[in-house]
Amino acid sequence: MRYFVVILFLLLSFPSFAQTEKQEDTTSVSGTIVNESNLLPIENATVININTVKGTVTDKQGHFNIAAKTNDTLHITLIGYQPIKVRVTNDWIKNTTSTKIPLTEKAYALEEVVINQHNLTGYLQVDSKLVPVKQNYRYSISGLNYGYEGGHTSPNAFKKIINSVFNPADLLHNIFGKKPNEMKRLKQMKKDDTVRNLLASKFDRETLAALLGVTKEDISEILEQCNYSEEFIRTANDLQIMDAISGCYEEYKAINRK
């Protein structure tokens, strides 16, 4: 009889536990992004939950609502403003009023622009030699599921290729083996349109580094070891960088399974 009472108590308590867990999973926070200098609302600011890699953008009133739990970190960014990270607290979740979050404008110093003149003749064969064209090619070696990018801006490409031929698994393990959890987030990042749209418009690696939990230097090192040229690393947008890292990581996993 005593065991029956215990089992009955557990059965009656389970729905309440399940409901509590479900409510915790579906909690959200709302806020209003404003300009720090004049407190006016900021439209189209991107808010990304780093823990879930889900994002949203603010409306015309600067308002946003995003799924989040206690201790999640929100990364807020907009071109022309300093990006910030905000920690989600219990008080924020329980607060029914919209929380105001200020963004600070960046101070830009205009750089000197130098325009080089090219006297074109109208003949393609001649003009193509007058105007410098930088090209880098991504290619693969037969028998290896691994890509490379060569060119005069990647002088060490040949050496890296030879090293990878002899021991490709070790090369990739040195890159990704130390950051398995961070790299697993790549698949989540590629699924969210808000995250992809934001990365496509950025070239500073700040948001990408925050989402992956690595530094900007780590990102450059990963791409160098994956044999991407210096020009690609310097000029690609954050979405292209993310796809490049993701592709290299998939190659690592394929080789590592073998």
C-alpha atoms as a PDB file:
ATOM      1  CA  MET A   1       0.000   0.000   0.000  1.00  0.00           C
ATOM      2  CA  ARG A   2       2.853   2.354   0.852  1.00  0.00           C
ATOM      3  CA  TYR A   3       4.517   1.764  -2.533  1.00  0.00           C
ATOM      4  CA  PHE A   4       1.205   2.352  -4.283  1.00  0.00           C
ATOM      5  CA  VAL A   5       0.878   5.785  -2.646  1.00  0.00           C
ATOM      6  CA  VAL A   6       4.431   6.732  -3.708  1.00  0.00           C
ATOM      7  CA  ILE A   7       3.788   5.674  -7.321  1.00  0.00           C
ATOM      8  CA  LEU A   8       0.471   7.538  -7.361  1.00  0.00           C
ATOM      9  CA  PHE A   9       2.187  10.684  -6.064  1.00  0.00           C
ATOM     10  CA  LEU A  10       4.852  10.489  -8.777  1.00  0.00           C
ATOM     11  CA  LEU A  11       2.242  10.023 -11.501  1.00  0.00           C
ATOM     12  CA  LEU A  12       0.257  13.023 -10.297  1.00  0.00           C
ATOM     13  CA  SER A  13       3.401  15.162 -10.028  1.00  0.00           C
ATOM     14  CA  PHE A  14       4.775  14.308 -13.482  1.00  0.00           C
ATOM     15  CA  PRO A  15       2.355  16.540 -15.461  1.00  0.00           C
ATOM     16  CA  SER A  16       3.279  19.545 -13.326  1.00  0.00           C
ATOM     17  CA  PHE A  17       7.007  18.859 -13.846  1.00  0.00           C
ATOM     18  CA  ALA A  18       6.473  18.474 -17.586  1.00  0.00           C
ATOM     19  CA  GLN A  19       4.446  21.667 -17.717  1.00  0.00           C
ATOM     20  CA  THR A  20       7.117  23.570 -15.784  1.00  0.00           C
ATOM     21  CA  GLU A  21       9.839  22.272 -18.103  1.00  0.00           C
ATOM     22  CA  LYS A  22       7.772  23.163 -21.164  1.00  0.00           C
ATOM     23  CA  GLN A  23       7.184  26.668 -19.854  1.00  0.00           C
ATOM     24  CA  GLU A  24      10.909  27.074 -19.199  1.00  0.00           C
ATOM     25  CA  ASP A  25      11.720  25.952 -22.742  1.00  0.00           C
ATOM     26  CA  THR A  26       9.273  28.446 -24.260  1.00  0.00           C
ATOM     27  CA  THR A  27      10.246  31.498 -22.194  1.00  0.00           C
ATOM     28  CA  SER A  28      11.100  34.675 -24.046  1.00  0.00           C
ATOM     29  CA  VAL A  29      12.299  38.196 -23.399  1.00  0.00           C
ATOM     30  CA  SER A  30      11.362  41.464 -25.053  1.00  0.00           C
ATOM     31  CA  GLY A  31      13.119  44.779 -25.249  1.00  0.00           C
ATOM     32  CA  THR A  32      13.534  48.039 -27.115  1.00  0.00           C
ATOM     33  CA  ILE A  33      16.830  49.043 -28.747  1.00  0.00           C
ATOM     34  CA  VAL A  34      17.461  52.786 -28.533  1.00  0.00           C
ATOM     35  CA  ASN A  35      20.183  55.218 -29.544  1.00  0.00           C
ATOM     36  CA  GLU A  36      22.244  56.042 -26.470  1.00  0.00           C
ATOM     37  CA  SER A  37      22.670  59.708 -27.411  1.00  0.00           C
ATOM     38  CA  ASN A  38      19.017  60.625 -28.072  1.00  0.00           C
ATOM     39  CA  LEU A  39      17.070  57.561 -26.790  1.00  0.00           C
ATOM     40  CA  LEU A  40      15.262  57.234 -30.134  1.00  0.00           C
ATOM     41  CA  PRO A  41      14.264  53.673 -31.134  1.00  0.00           C
ATOM     42  CA  ILE A  42      16.539  51.861 -33.594  1.00  0.00           C
ATOM     43  CA  GLU A  43      14.976  49.848 -36.408  1.00  0.00           C
ATOM     44  CA  ASN A  44      16.507  46.734 -38.030  1.00  0.00           C
ATOM     45  CA  ALA A  45      18.980  46.035 -35.216  1.00  0.00           C
ATOM     46  CA  THR A  46      19.779  42.313 -35.131  1.00  0.00           C
ATOM     47  CA  VAL A  47      19.350  40.387 -31.885  1.00  0.00           C
ATOM     48  CA  ILE A  48      20.840  36.876 -31.759  1.00  0.00           C
ATOM     49  CA  ASN A  49      20.619  34.400 -28.914  1.00  0.00           C
ATOM     50  CA  ILE A  50      24.145  32.984 -28.911  1.00  0.00           C
ATOM     51  CA  ASN A  51      23.090  29.889 -26.952  1.00  0.00           C
ATOM     52  CA  THR A  52      20.362  28.820 -29.406  1.00  0.00           C
ATOM     53  CA  VAL A  53      21.841  30.559 -32.488  1.00  0.00           C
ATOM     54  CA  LYS A  54      18.425  32.053 -33.290  1.00  0.00           C
ATOM     55  CA  GLY A  55      17.890  35.658 -34.249  1.00  0.00           C
ATOM     56  CA  THR A  56      15.381  38.411 -34.856  1.00  0.00           C
ATOM     57  CA  VAL A  57      15.366  42.090 -35.896  1.00  0.00           C
ATOM     58  CA  THR A  58      13.801  45.121 -34.260  1.00  0.00           C
ATOM     59  CA  ASP A  59      10.683  46.760 -35.739  1.00  0.00           C
ATOM     60  CA  LYS A  60      10.095  50.475 -36.419  1.00  0.00           C
ATOM     61  CA  GLN A  61       9.641  51.091 -32.697  1.00  0.00           C
ATOM     62  CA  GLY A  62      12.938  49.334 -31.936  1.00  0.00           C
ATOM     63  CA  HIS A  63      11.055  46.492 -30.263  1.00  0.00           C
ATOM     64  CA  PHE A  64      12.048  42.813 -30.355  1.00  0.00           C
ATOM     65  CA  ASN A  65      10.936  39.541 -28.790  1.00  0.00           C
ATOM     66  CA  ILE A  66      13.123  36.452 -28.762  1.00  0.00           C
ATOM     67  CA  ALA A  67      13.030  33.008 -27.148  1.00  0.00           C
ATOM     68  CA  ALA A  68      15.536  32.859 -24.297  1.00  0.00           C
ATOM     69  CA  LYS A  69      16.161  31.295 -20.909  1.00  0.00           C
ATOM     70  CA  THR A  70      17.982  32.504 -17.833  1.00  0.00           C
ATOM     71  CA  ASN A  71      21.742  32.994 -18.400  1.00  0.00           C
ATOM     72  CA  ASP A  72      21.394  32.995 -22.188  1.00  0.00           C
ATOM     73  CA  THR A  73      23.460  35.690 -23.928  1.00  0.00           C
ATOM     74  CA  LEU A  74      21.988  38.033 -26.538  1.00  0.00           C
ATOM     75  CA  HIS A  75      24.312  39.592 -29.109  1.00  0.00           C
ATOM     76  CA  ILE A  76      22.925  42.886 -30.445  1.00  0.00           C
ATOM     77  CA  THR A  77      24.433  44.510 -33.498  1.00  0.00           C
ATOM     78  CA  LEU A  78      23.768  47.064 -36.223  1.00  0.00           C
ATOM     79  CA  ILE A  79      26.073  48.636 -38.789  1.00  0.00           C
ATOM     80  CA  GLY A  80      27.316  51.965 -37.443  1.00  0.00           C
ATOM     81  CA  TYR A  81      26.898  50.964 -33.782  1.00  0.00           C
ATOM     82  CA  GLN A  82      29.088  49.191 -31.248  1.00  0.00           C
ATOM     83  CA  PRO A  83      27.875  45.570 -30.823  1.00  0.00           C
ATOM     84  CA  ILE A  84      26.977  44.556 -27.276  1.00  0.00           C
ATOM     85  CA  LYS A  85      26.228  41.368 -25.352  1.00  0.00           C
ATOM     86  CA  VAL A  86      23.394  41.222 -22.816  1.00  0.00           C
ATOM     87  CA  ARG A  87      22.852  38.417 -20.278  1.00  0.00           C
ATOM     88  CA  VAL A  88      19.259  37.241 -19.735  1.00  0.00           C
ATOM     89  CA  THR A  89      18.226  37.303 -16.065  1.00  0.00           C
ATOM     90  CA  ASN A  90      15.240  35.975 -14.138  1.00  0.00           C
ATOM     91  CA  ASP A  91      14.041  39.520 -13.482  1.00  0.00           C
ATOM     92  CA  TRP A  92      14.089  40.288 -17.192  1.00  0.00           C
ATOM     93  CA  ILE A  93      12.010  37.206 -18.022  1.00  0.00           C
ATOM     94  CA  LYS A  94       9.460  38.051 -15.305  1.00  0.00           C
ATOM     95  CA  ASN A  95       9.330  41.719 -16.292  1.00  0.00           C
ATOM     96  CA  THR A  96       6.174  42.493 -18.261  1.00  0.00           C
ATOM     97  CA  THR A  97       7.376  45.898 -19.498  1.00  0.00           C
ATOM     98  CA  SER A  98       9.811  46.316 -22.398  1.00  0.00           C
ATOM     99  CA  THR A  99      13.439  46.731 -21.323  1.00  0.00           C
ATOM    100  CA  LYS A 100      15.364  49.549 -23.032  1.00  0.00           C
ATOM    101  CA  ILE A 101      18.823  48.639 -24.303  1.00  0.00           C
ATOM    102  CA  PRO A 102      21.044  51.505 -25.573  1.00  0.00           C
ATOM    103  CA  LEU A 103      23.466  51.184 -28.491  1.00  0.00           C
ATOM    104  CA  THR A 104      26.429  53.509 -28.943  1.00  0.00           C
ATOM    105  CA  GLU A 105      27.256  54.915 -32.367  1.00  0.00           C
ATOM    106  CA  LYS A 106      30.719  54.233 -33.754  1.00  0.00           C
ATOM    107  CA  ALA A 107      33.053  57.103 -34.523  1.00  0.00           C
ATOM    108  CA  TYR A 108      34.513  56.592 -38.000  1.00  0.00           C
ATOM    109  CA  ALA A 109      37.657  58.237 -39.296  1.00  0.00           C
ATOM    110  CA  LEU A 110      37.574  58.598 -43.082  1.00  0.00           C
ATOM    111  CA  GLU A 111      40.597  57.085 -44.775  1.00  0.00           C
ATOM    112  CA  GLU A 112      42.365  58.517 -47.778  1.00  0.00           C
ATOM    113  CA  VAL A 113      41.190  57.037 -51.066  1.00  0.00           C
ATOM    114  CA  VAL A 114      43.718  56.730 -53.898  1.00  0.00           C
ATOM    115  CA  ILE A 115      42.369  56.343 -57.442  1.00  0.00           C
ATOM    116  CA  ASN A 116      44.803  54.939 -59.988  1.00  0.00           C
ATOM    117  CA  GLN A 117      44.328  55.941 -63.611  1.00  0.00           C
ATOM    118  CA  HIS A 118      44.499  53.292 -66.352  1.00  0.00           C
ATOM    119  CA  ASN A 119      44.845  54.448 -69.946  1.00  0.00           C
ATOM    120  CA  LEU A 120      42.788  51.839 -71.778  1.00  0.00           C
ATOM    121  CA  THR A 121      43.237  51.251 -75.495  1.00  0.00           C
ATOM    122  CA  GLY A 122      39.972  49.454 -76.265  1.00  0.00           C
ATOM    123  CA  TYR A 123      41.753  46.218 -77.153  1.00  0.00           C
ATOM    124  CA  LEU A 124      40.944  43.458 -74.662  1.00  0.00           C
ATOM    125  CA  GLN A 125      44.274  41.663 -74.980  1.00  0.00           C
ATOM    126  CA  VAL A 126      46.187  44.859 -74.246  1.00  0.00           C
ATOM    127  CA  ASP A 127      43.853  46.283 -71.572  1.00  0.00           C
ATOM    128  CA  SER A 128      43.767  43.001 -69.642  1.00  0.00           C
ATOM    129  CA  LYS A 129      47.504  43.397 -69.060  1.00  0.00           C
ATOM    130  CA  LEU A 130      47.189  47.056 -68.045  1.00  0.00           C
ATOM    131  CA  VAL A 131      44.534  46.437 -65.372  1.00  0.00           C
ATOM    132  CA  PRO A 132      45.744  44.052 -62.646  1.00  0.00           C
ATOM    133  CA  VAL A 133      43.365  41.168 -61.997  1.00  0.00           C
ATOM    134  CA  LYS A 134      43.863  39.022 -58.928  1.00  0.00           C
ATOM    135  CA  GLN A 135      42.525  35.518 -59.158  1.00  0.00           C
ATOM    136  CA  ASN A 136      42.554  32.679 -56.682  1.00  0.00           C
ATOM    137  CA  TYR A 137      41.381  29.204 -57.517  1.00  0.00           C
ATOM    138  CA  ARG A 138      39.911  26.624 -55.174  1.00  0.00           C
ATOM    139  CA  TYR A 139      40.798  23.139 -56.372  1.00  0.00           C
ATOM    140  CA  SER A 140      41.075  19.579 -55.087  1.00  0.00           C
ATOM    141  CA  ILE A 141      43.426  16.607 -55.379  1.00  0.00           C
ATOM    142  CA  SER A 142      42.055  13.354 -56.767  1.00  0.00           C
ATOM    143  CA  GLY A 143      41.571  10.802 -54.020  1.00  0.00           C
ATOM    144  CA  LEU A 144      41.368  13.378 -51.226  1.00  0.00           C
ATOM    145  CA  ASN A 145      38.120  14.909 -50.044  1.00  0.00           C
ATOM    146  CA  TYR A 146      39.894  18.198 -49.404  1.00  0.00           C
ATOM    147  CA  GLY A 147      39.997  21.538 -51.230  1.00  0.00           C
ATOM    148  CA  TYR A 148      42.721  24.119 -51.726  1.00  0.00           C
ATOM    149  CA  GLU A 149      42.985  27.682 -52.933  1.00  0.00           C
ATOM    150  CA  GLY A 150      46.149  28.752 -54.707  1.00  0.00           C
ATOM    151  CA  GLY A 151      47.424  31.961 -56.251  1.00  0.00           C
ATOM    152  CA  HIS A 152      50.228  34.471 -55.821  1.00  0.00           C
ATOM    153  CA  THR A 153      48.577  35.802 -52.631  1.00  0.00           C
ATOM    154  CA  SER A 154      48.914  32.355 -51.062  1.00  0.00           C
ATOM    155  CA  PRO A 155      52.665  31.621 -51.314  1.00  0.00           C
ATOM    156  CA  ASN A 156      52.555  28.752 -48.812  1.00  0.00           C
ATOM    157  CA  ALA A 157      49.749  26.889 -50.596  1.00  0.00           C
ATOM    158  CA  PHE A 158      52.048  24.329 -52.246  1.00  0.00           C
ATOM    159  CA  LYS A 159      53.787  23.513 -48.961  1.00  0.00           C
ATOM    160  CA  LYS A 160      50.446  23.091 -47.170  1.00  0.00           C
ATOM    161  CA  ILE A 161      49.141  20.839 -49.931  1.00  0.00           C
ATOM    162  CA  ILE A 162      52.153  18.533 -49.724  1.00  0.00           C
ATOM    163  CA  ASN A 163      51.865  18.359 -45.922  1.00  0.00           C
ATOM    164  CA  SER A 164      48.173  17.542 -46.210  1.00  0.00           C
ATOM    165  CA  VAL A 165      48.790  14.802 -48.764  1.00  0.00           C
ATOM    166  CA  PHE A 166      51.080  12.981 -46.354  1.00  0.00           C
ATOM    167  CA  ASN A 167      48.929  13.491 -43.281  1.00  0.00           C
ATOM    168  CA  PRO A 168      45.599  15.279 -43.990  1.00  0.00           C
ATOM    169  CA  ALA A 169      43.843  13.961 -40.882  1.00  0.00           C
ATOM    170  CA  ASP A 170      46.477  15.364 -38.522  1.00  0.00           C
ATOM    171  CA  LEU A 171      46.373  18.760 -40.250  1.00  0.00           C
ATOM    172  CA  LEU A 172      42.627  19.095 -39.797  1.00  0.00           C
ATOM    173  CA  HIS A 173      42.667  17.652 -36.292  1.00  0.00           C
ATOM    174  CA  ASN A 174      45.027  20.409 -35.208  1.00  0.00           C
ATOM    175  CA  ILE A 175      42.456  22.923 -36.430  1.00  0.00           C
ATOM    176  CA  PHE A 176      39.145  21.504 -35.241  1.00  0.00           C
ATOM    177  CA  GLY A 177      40.074  18.917 -32.641  1.00  0.00           C
ATOM    178  CA  LYS A 178      40.555  21.622 -30.018  1.00  0.00           C
ATOM    179  CA  LYS A 179      37.184  23.290 -30.695  1.00  0.00           C
ATOM    180  CA  PRO A 180      34.615  20.511 -31.303  1.00  0.00           C
ATOM    181  CA  ASN A 181      31.700  22.188 -29.506  1.00  0.00           C
ATOM    182  CA  GLU A 182      32.227  25.535 -31.230  1.00  0.00           C
ATOM    183  CA  MET A 183      32.358  23.968 -34.674  1.00  0.00           C
ATOM    184  CA  LYS A 184      29.149  21.990 -34.088  1.00  0.00           C
ATOM    185  CA  ARG A 185      27.314  25.324 -33.890  1.00  0.00           C
ATOM    186  CA  LEU A 186      28.027  25.935 -37.578  1.00  0.00           C
ATOM    187  CA  LYS A 187      25.121  23.731 -38.632  1.00  0.00           C
ATOM    188  CA  GLN A 188      22.748  25.676 -36.361  1.00  0.00           C
ATOM    189  CA  MET A 189      23.984  29.001 -37.709  1.00  0.00           C
ATOM    190  CA  LYS A 190      23.337  27.975 -41.314  1.00  0.00           C
ATOM    191  CA  LYS A 191      19.680  27.169 -40.566  1.00  0.00           C
ATOM    192  CA  ASP A 192      18.619  30.606 -39.300  1.00  0.00           C
ATOM    193  CA  ASP A 193      17.871  33.169 -42.028  1.00  0.00           C
ATOM    194  CA  THR A 194      18.305  36.128 -39.673  1.00  0.00           C
ATOM    195  CA  VAL A 195      21.809  34.981 -38.766  1.00  0.00           C
ATOM    196  CA  ARG A 196      22.742  34.331 -42.401  1.00  0.00           C
ATOM    197  CA  ASN A 197      21.416  37.717 -43.571  1.00  0.00           C
ATOM    198  CA  LEU A 198      23.361  39.489 -40.846  1.00  0.00           C
ATOM    199  CA  LEU A 199      26.609  37.677 -41.639  1.00  0.00           C
ATOM    200  CA  ALA A 200      26.176  38.442 -45.359  1.00  0.00           C
ATOM    201  CA  SER A 201      26.256  42.162 -44.564  1.00  0.00           C
ATOM    202  CA  LYS A 202      29.259  42.097 -42.239  1.00  0.00           C
ATOM    203  CA  PHE A 203      33.015  41.960 -42.848  1.00  0.00           C
ATOM    204  CA  ASP A 204      34.405  42.518 -39.345  1.00  0.00           C
ATOM    205  CA  ARG A 205      34.205  38.910 -37.964  1.00  0.00           C
ATOM    206  CA  GLU A 206      32.790  40.262 -34.669  1.00  0.00           C
ATOM    207  CA  THR A 207      29.413  38.513 -34.819  1.00  0.00           C
ATOM    208  CA  LEU A 208      30.906  35.335 -36.278  1.00  0.00           C
ATOM    209  CA  ALA A 209      33.510  35.178 -33.507  1.00  0.00           C
ATOM    210  CA  ALA A 210      30.825  35.737 -30.859  1.00  0.00           C
ATOM    211  CA  LEU A 211      28.584  32.993 -32.253  1.00  0.00           C
ATOM    212  CA  LEU A 212      31.411  30.460 -32.536  1.00  0.00           C
ATOM    213  CA  GLY A 213      32.947  31.380 -29.199  1.00  0.00           C
ATOM    214  CA  VAL A 214      36.371  31.981 -30.746  1.00  0.00           C
ATOM    215  CA  THR A 215      38.562  35.013 -31.447  1.00  0.00           C
ATOM    216  CA  LYS A 216      39.082  36.797 -34.765  1.00  0.00           C
ATOM    217  CA  GLU A 217      42.627  35.453 -34.757  1.00  0.00           C
ATOM    218  CA  ASP A 218      41.283  31.903 -34.428  1.00  0.00           C
ATOM    219  CA  ILE A 219      39.102  32.442 -37.505  1.00  0.00           C
ATOM    220  CA  SER A 220      42.063  33.645 -39.577  1.00  0.00           C
ATOM    221  CA  GLU A 221      44.197  30.731 -38.399  1.00  0.00           C
ATOM    222  CA  ILE A 222      41.493  28.201 -39.285  1.00  0.00           C
ATOM    223  CA  LEU A 223      41.132  29.599 -42.811  1.00  0.00           C
ATOM    224  CA  GLU A 224      44.896  29.706 -43.333  1.00  0.00           C
ATOM    225  CA  GLN A 225      45.235  26.082 -42.275  1.00  0.00           C
ATOM    226  CA  CYS A 226      42.354  25.207 -44.604  1.00  0.00           C
ATOM    227  CA  ASN A 227      44.444  26.730 -47.425  1.00  0.00           C
ATOM    228  CA  TYR A 228      42.351  29.798 -48.193  1.00  0.00           C
ATOM    229  CA  SER A 229      44.272  32.703 -49.653  1.00  0.00           C
ATOM    230  CA  GLU A 230      45.085  35.891 -47.776  1.00  0.00           C
ATOM    231  CA  GLU A 231      42.943  37.845 -50.234  1.00  0.00           C
ATOM    232  CA  PHE A 232      39.885  35.667 -49.544  1.00  0.00           C
ATOM    233  CA  ILE A 233      40.371  35.967 -45.778  1.00  0.00           C
ATOM    234  CA  ARG A 234      40.685  39.741 -46.075  1.00  0.00           C
ATOM    235  CA  THR A 235      37.826  40.468 -48.509  1.00  0.00           C
ATOM    236  CA  ALA A 236      35.144  37.806 -47.908  1.00  0.00           C
ATOM    237  CA  ASN A 237      32.040  38.688 -45.915  1.00  0.00           C
ATOM    238  CA  ASP A 238      31.229  36.856 -42.690  1.00  0.00           C
ATOM    239  CA  LEU A 239      28.722  34.546 -44.387  1.00  0.00           C
ATOM    240  CA  GLN A 240      31.338  33.416 -46.924  1.00  0.00           C
ATOM    241  CA  ILE A 241      33.798  32.909 -44.064  1.00  0.00           C
ATOM    242  CA  MET A 242      31.242  30.816 -42.162  1.00  0.00           C
ATOM    243  CA  ASP A 243      30.540  28.656 -45.220  1.00  0.00           C
ATOM    244  CA  ALA A 244      34.284  28.218 -45.814  1.00  0.00           C
ATOM    245  CA  ILE A 245      34.879  27.085 -42.229  1.00  0.00           C
ATOM    246  CA  SER A 246      31.817  24.851 -42.393  1.00  0.00           C
ATOM    247  CA  GLY A 247      33.028  23.195 -45.592  1.00  0.00           C
ATOM    248  CA  CYS A 248      36.479  22.601 -44.148  1.00  0.00           C
ATOM    249  CA  TYR A 249      34.956  21.185 -40.965  1.00  0.00           C
ATOM    250  CA  GLU A 250      32.800  18.755 -42.957  1.00  0.00           C
ATOM    251  CA  GLU A 251      35.959  17.584 -44.724  1.00  0.00           C
ATOM    252  CA  TYR A 252      37.600  17.061 -41.343  1.00  0.00           C
ATOM    253  CA  LYS A 253      34.695  14.964 -40.095  1.00  0.00           C
ATOM    254  CA  ALA A 254      34.676  12.871 -43.285  1.00  0.00           C
ATOM    255  CA  ILE A 255      38.409  12.132 -42.987  1.00  0.00           C
ATOM    256  CA  ASN A 256      38.147  11.566 -39.240  1.00  0.00           C
ATOM    257  CA  ARG A 257      35.411   8.927 -39.718  1.00  0.00           C
ATOM    258  CA  LYS A 258      37.720   6.969 -41.958  1.00  0.00           C
END
